[in-house]
Each structure stands twice: as structure tokens, then as C-alpha cells.
Amino acid sequence: MRKIIYSLFIFLLFSSNLMGLVIPAFCCGSTQKKCYTSGICCLQGTENEYWSQTCYDFTTWVVPESMMFTLGTKTSIVLFIKNTGAYPDNYTVNYEKKTNDPNIIVDMSIIPRPTKNVDPGPPIEPLYPMITVLSTHTSGDVVFMVNSNQEPSLQRNATLHIAESDYPLSLPEFGVFGLIEILILVVIICLVSRML
């Protein structure tokens, strides 16, 4: 009898591998009532326990997705990170300009490296990278690459499209008195040049 049970066990073991059948490695969650061969149980030991490929996940996007910048003005955009995983995570943000134009300056100095403990759920972590465009004929894309520190292989991208820039409507560096001073200086230069 033992030989029959042993032979049956060996037969099932080899036949399941040959036929592509998979024997479950673990079961997860009281609500799913399923067993899995890979992945992980998230929130293990709680009533919200569930199976997933990873317990860390997030989405990221930029607002606005496309923008026309004012020439020479530092403009903040909003980069959002929403933790959709089961546990808090930290993120590292980098960027890549998809253009060889040196007239796009991206300032990431006010963004913490890495972001600290972004909790899962509704709260969204906003970040404010600063963009400066130095030429009117500048356009291209800036891709913000956000990496999970808990799951290093997990990366999400958000793309900002920079449309051609426009001149400022006014020159804020010149006040009324500055303009009067320039006009007086021009008049003096014209008078002096006529005297010579």
C-alpha cells in the first residue's frame, strides 16, 4: 500500500510539472479564498489582507501636462505622487530633458530627496519643481522619473510638455522711477553728444 501511495505521489508531482499545472505555494486573505504560487500577502494578519504582485505601488502625474512658459520667469509646476500600495513608502524624483536645448532649466532643489513616508490612500504628496525657459523658440518634454525606495524596480514617469514660450507682458525689473531715470539718462546723452 505504501508503494502505491508513494508511486501516486511521484506520478502527480511529475505529471503536474509536465502538464503545466502549478501547485499553490500559499493562501492569502479570508475574503479572496484563493491560493497562489507567487506574489505576496499584503496587510498580513489583518482583516484587509489581500494578494498582490507587490505591496508597494503608486501613481504619479504632473499638472499641467502641457504649458506655455513666460520667458525668463521661474515657474512652479505640481508633481503629484499618490501611494496606492499597502504600506508607506519613500520616493526619489529625478528628471530627464527630452531635448538637447540648453534653454530649459529645471530646478529640483526644493524637492526633498527622498520624499519621506508617503502614506497609502487619499492623501497625495505634491512636489513643486521649478522650470525656467530662456528662449522663445524652446519646446520639448521634461520627464519626471519617480522611483520607490522600498521596491527599487518600481518606477513611474510623468511628462511635462513645454510649448513655445512667450515674452513677459511687462518688465517687472523697471518700476516707474527706473523708467524715468532711463529717459532722463537718454536725454542727457543726446544733449552731450550734440555739444561735442
Protein backbone atom coordinates (compact mmCIF):
# COMPACT_ATOMS: atom_id res chain seq x y z
CA MET A 1 0.00 0.00 0.00
CA ARG A 2 2.85 2.39 0.79
CA LYS A 3 4.38 1.74 -2.62
CA ILE A 4 1.10 2.66 -4.32
CA ILE A 5 0.75 5.93 -2.36
CA TYR A 6 4.42 6.75 -2.93
CA SER A 7 4.11 5.98 -6.66
CA LEU A 8 0.92 8.04 -6.91
CA PHE A 9 2.63 10.99 -5.18
CA ILE A 10 5.64 10.80 -7.52
CA PHE A 11 3.32 10.49 -10.54
CA LEU A 12 1.28 13.58 -9.50
CA LEU A 13 4.41 15.57 -8.80
CA PHE A 14 5.96 14.90 -12.20
CA SER A 15 2.74 14.99 -14.20
CA SER A 16 1.76 18.39 -12.78
CA ASN A 17 5.12 19.81 -13.89
CA LEU A 18 4.83 18.19 -17.33
CA MET A 19 1.26 19.41 -17.91
CA GLY A 20 1.98 22.92 -16.71
CA LEU A 21 -0.13 22.56 -13.60
CA VAL A 22 1.06 24.58 -10.66
CA ILE A 23 0.68 23.58 -7.05
CA PRO A 24 -0.20 26.62 -4.91
CA ALA A 25 2.52 27.76 -2.54
CA PHE A 26 0.39 29.78 -0.11
CA CYS A 27 -3.10 31.05 0.50
CA CYS A 28 -3.90 34.66 1.24
CA GLY A 29 -6.78 36.58 2.76
CA SER A 30 -10.03 35.50 4.24
CA THR A 31 -12.11 37.35 1.62
CA GLN A 32 -10.30 36.17 -1.54
CA LYS A 33 -10.27 32.47 -0.62
CA LYS A 34 -7.63 31.74 -3.26
CA CYS A 35 -4.17 30.26 -3.18
CA TYR A 36 -1.16 31.49 -5.16
CA THR A 37 2.22 30.33 -6.36
CA SER A 38 3.86 33.76 -6.44
CA GLY A 39 3.33 37.26 -5.17
CA ILE A 40 2.87 38.33 -1.60
CA CYS A 41 0.17 38.76 1.04
CA CYS A 42 -0.24 42.44 1.83
CA LEU A 43 -1.53 43.67 5.20
CA GLN A 44 -0.98 40.16 6.50
CA GLY A 45 -2.77 39.29 9.72
CA THR A 46 -5.44 41.98 9.31
CA GLU A 47 -9.00 41.70 8.04
CA ASN A 48 -7.91 43.66 4.93
CA GLU A 49 -5.28 41.09 3.92
CA TYR A 50 -5.02 40.65 0.14
CA TRP A 51 -2.74 39.17 -2.51
CA SER A 52 -0.69 41.25 -4.93
CA GLN A 53 2.47 41.01 -7.03
CA THR A 54 3.91 43.69 -4.74
CA CYS A 55 2.65 45.55 -1.68
CA TYR A 56 4.22 48.79 -2.92
CA ASP A 57 2.69 50.74 -5.80
CA PHE A 58 1.99 54.35 -6.71
CA THR A 59 0.88 56.67 -9.48
CA THR A 60 2.41 59.99 -10.47
CA TRP A 61 1.31 62.84 -12.73
CA VAL A 62 2.14 66.47 -13.41
CA VAL A 63 -0.23 69.46 -13.55
CA PRO A 64 -0.46 70.91 -16.11
CA GLU A 65 0.67 68.30 -18.60
CA SER A 66 1.46 70.95 -21.21
CA MET A 67 2.30 74.58 -20.60
CA MET A 68 3.46 77.76 -22.32
CA PHE A 69 6.07 79.48 -20.12
CA THR A 70 6.85 83.17 -19.74
CA LEU A 71 10.38 83.85 -20.88
CA GLY A 72 12.94 84.05 -18.07
CA THR A 73 10.44 83.52 -15.25
CA LYS A 74 10.82 80.69 -12.73
CA THR A 75 7.52 78.83 -12.87
CA SER A 76 6.50 76.09 -10.47
CA ILE A 77 4.58 73.09 -11.70
CA VAL A 78 2.94 70.49 -9.50
CA LEU A 79 4.17 66.90 -9.50
CA PHE A 80 1.85 64.55 -7.61
CA ILE A 81 2.67 61.17 -6.07
CA LYS A 82 -0.18 59.01 -4.81
CA ASN A 83 0.73 55.89 -2.86
CA THR A 84 -1.65 53.11 -3.98
CA GLY A 85 0.21 50.33 -2.17
CA ALA A 86 -0.41 48.77 1.21
CA TYR A 87 2.42 50.41 3.17
CA PRO A 88 4.08 53.84 3.48
CA ASP A 89 6.92 54.40 1.02
CA ASN A 90 9.66 56.91 0.24
CA TYR A 91 10.27 58.09 -3.32
CA THR A 92 13.22 59.52 -5.21
CA VAL A 93 12.48 62.01 -8.00
CA ASN A 94 14.80 62.65 -10.95
CA TYR A 95 14.22 64.24 -14.32
CA GLU A 96 15.38 63.94 -17.90
CA LYS A 97 15.02 66.59 -20.60
CA LYS A 98 13.91 65.02 -23.89
CA THR A 99 15.52 67.83 -25.85
CA ASN A 100 19.10 68.99 -26.32
CA ASP A 101 18.05 72.62 -25.90
CA PRO A 102 20.03 74.22 -23.03
CA ASN A 103 17.36 76.94 -22.68
CA ILE A 104 15.25 74.80 -20.34
CA ILE A 105 16.39 74.94 -16.72
CA VAL A 106 14.84 72.54 -14.20
CA ASP A 107 15.35 73.36 -10.51
CA MET A 108 14.74 70.40 -8.20
CA SER A 109 16.47 71.91 -5.15
CA ILE A 110 13.27 72.39 -3.16
CA ILE A 111 12.20 68.76 -3.57
CA PRO A 112 13.29 66.59 -0.62
CA ARG A 113 15.49 63.63 -1.54
CA PRO A 114 13.91 61.19 -0.94
CA THR A 115 10.35 62.14 -0.06
CA LYS A 116 9.52 60.98 3.44
CA ASN A 117 6.90 58.38 4.39
CA VAL A 118 4.11 58.92 1.89
CA ASP A 119 1.16 57.07 3.39
CA PRO A 120 -1.18 54.97 1.24
CA GLY A 121 -4.64 56.21 0.46
CA PRO A 122 -6.25 59.53 -0.37
CA PRO A 123 -3.53 61.97 0.76
CA ILE A 124 -1.43 62.93 -2.23
CA GLU A 125 2.12 64.24 -1.90
CA PRO A 126 2.57 67.38 -4.07
CA LEU A 127 6.06 68.45 -5.12
CA TYR A 128 6.96 71.71 -6.84
CA PRO A 129 9.83 71.58 -9.35
CA MET A 130 10.68 74.96 -10.89
CA ILE A 131 11.06 75.40 -14.66
CA THR A 132 12.72 78.38 -16.36
CA VAL A 133 12.70 78.81 -20.14
CA LEU A 134 15.31 81.18 -21.62
CA SER A 135 14.34 81.36 -25.32
CA THR A 136 11.10 81.92 -27.21
CA HIS A 137 11.73 79.07 -29.63
CA THR A 138 12.25 76.49 -26.90
CA SER A 139 9.97 73.47 -26.72
CA GLY A 140 10.32 69.88 -25.61
CA ASP A 141 9.44 67.43 -22.88
CA VAL A 142 10.69 67.04 -19.33
CA VAL A 143 10.14 63.54 -17.92
CA PHE A 144 10.00 63.25 -14.13
CA MET A 145 11.05 59.74 -13.04
CA VAL A 146 9.77 58.68 -9.63
CA ASN A 147 11.28 55.57 -8.01
CA SER A 148 10.03 53.66 -4.98
CA ASN A 149 12.72 53.21 -2.33
CA GLN A 150 11.01 50.15 -0.85
CA GLU A 151 10.58 48.41 -4.23
CA PRO A 152 13.60 49.66 -6.28
CA SER A 153 12.42 48.08 -9.55
CA LEU A 154 9.20 50.15 -9.42
CA GLN A 155 9.37 53.39 -11.45
CA ARG A 156 6.62 55.62 -12.77
CA ASN A 157 7.04 58.62 -15.12
CA ALA A 158 5.17 61.90 -15.54
CA THR A 159 5.80 64.05 -18.63
CA LEU A 160 5.56 67.83 -18.89
CA HIS A 161 5.35 69.20 -22.43
CA ILE A 162 6.88 72.66 -22.82
CA ALA A 163 5.20 74.61 -25.60
CA GLU A 164 6.97 77.58 -27.16
CA SER A 165 7.47 80.39 -24.65
CA ASP A 166 6.14 83.91 -24.73
CA TYR A 167 7.64 87.27 -23.78
CA PRO A 168 6.60 88.77 -20.45
CA LEU A 169 3.76 91.27 -20.69
CA SER A 170 5.68 93.82 -18.63
CA LEU A 171 9.20 94.34 -17.47
CA PRO A 172 8.90 93.94 -13.69
CA GLU A 173 12.55 94.89 -13.13
CA PHE A 174 11.76 98.50 -14.16
CA GLY A 175 9.45 100.50 -11.91
CA VAL A 176 8.09 103.94 -12.77
CA PHE A 177 11.11 105.70 -11.23
CA GLY A 178 13.53 103.41 -13.07
CA LEU A 179 11.83 104.24 -16.35
CA ILE A 180 12.01 107.99 -15.64
CA GLU A 181 15.71 107.65 -14.77
CA ILE A 182 16.40 105.86 -18.06
CA LEU A 183 14.53 108.57 -20.03
CA ILE A 184 16.50 111.35 -18.28
CA LEU A 185 19.76 109.49 -18.95
CA VAL A 186 18.88 109.18 -22.66
CA VAL A 187 18.09 112.92 -22.88
CA ILE A 188 21.40 113.81 -21.17
CA ILE A 189 23.37 111.54 -23.50
CA CYS A 190 21.69 113.09 -26.56
CA LEU A 191 22.41 116.65 -25.33
CA VAL A 192 26.04 115.87 -24.51
CA SER A 193 26.61 114.18 -27.88
CA ARG A 194 25.27 117.30 -29.71
CA MET A 195 27.59 119.58 -27.75
CA LEU A 196 30.64 117.61 -28.82
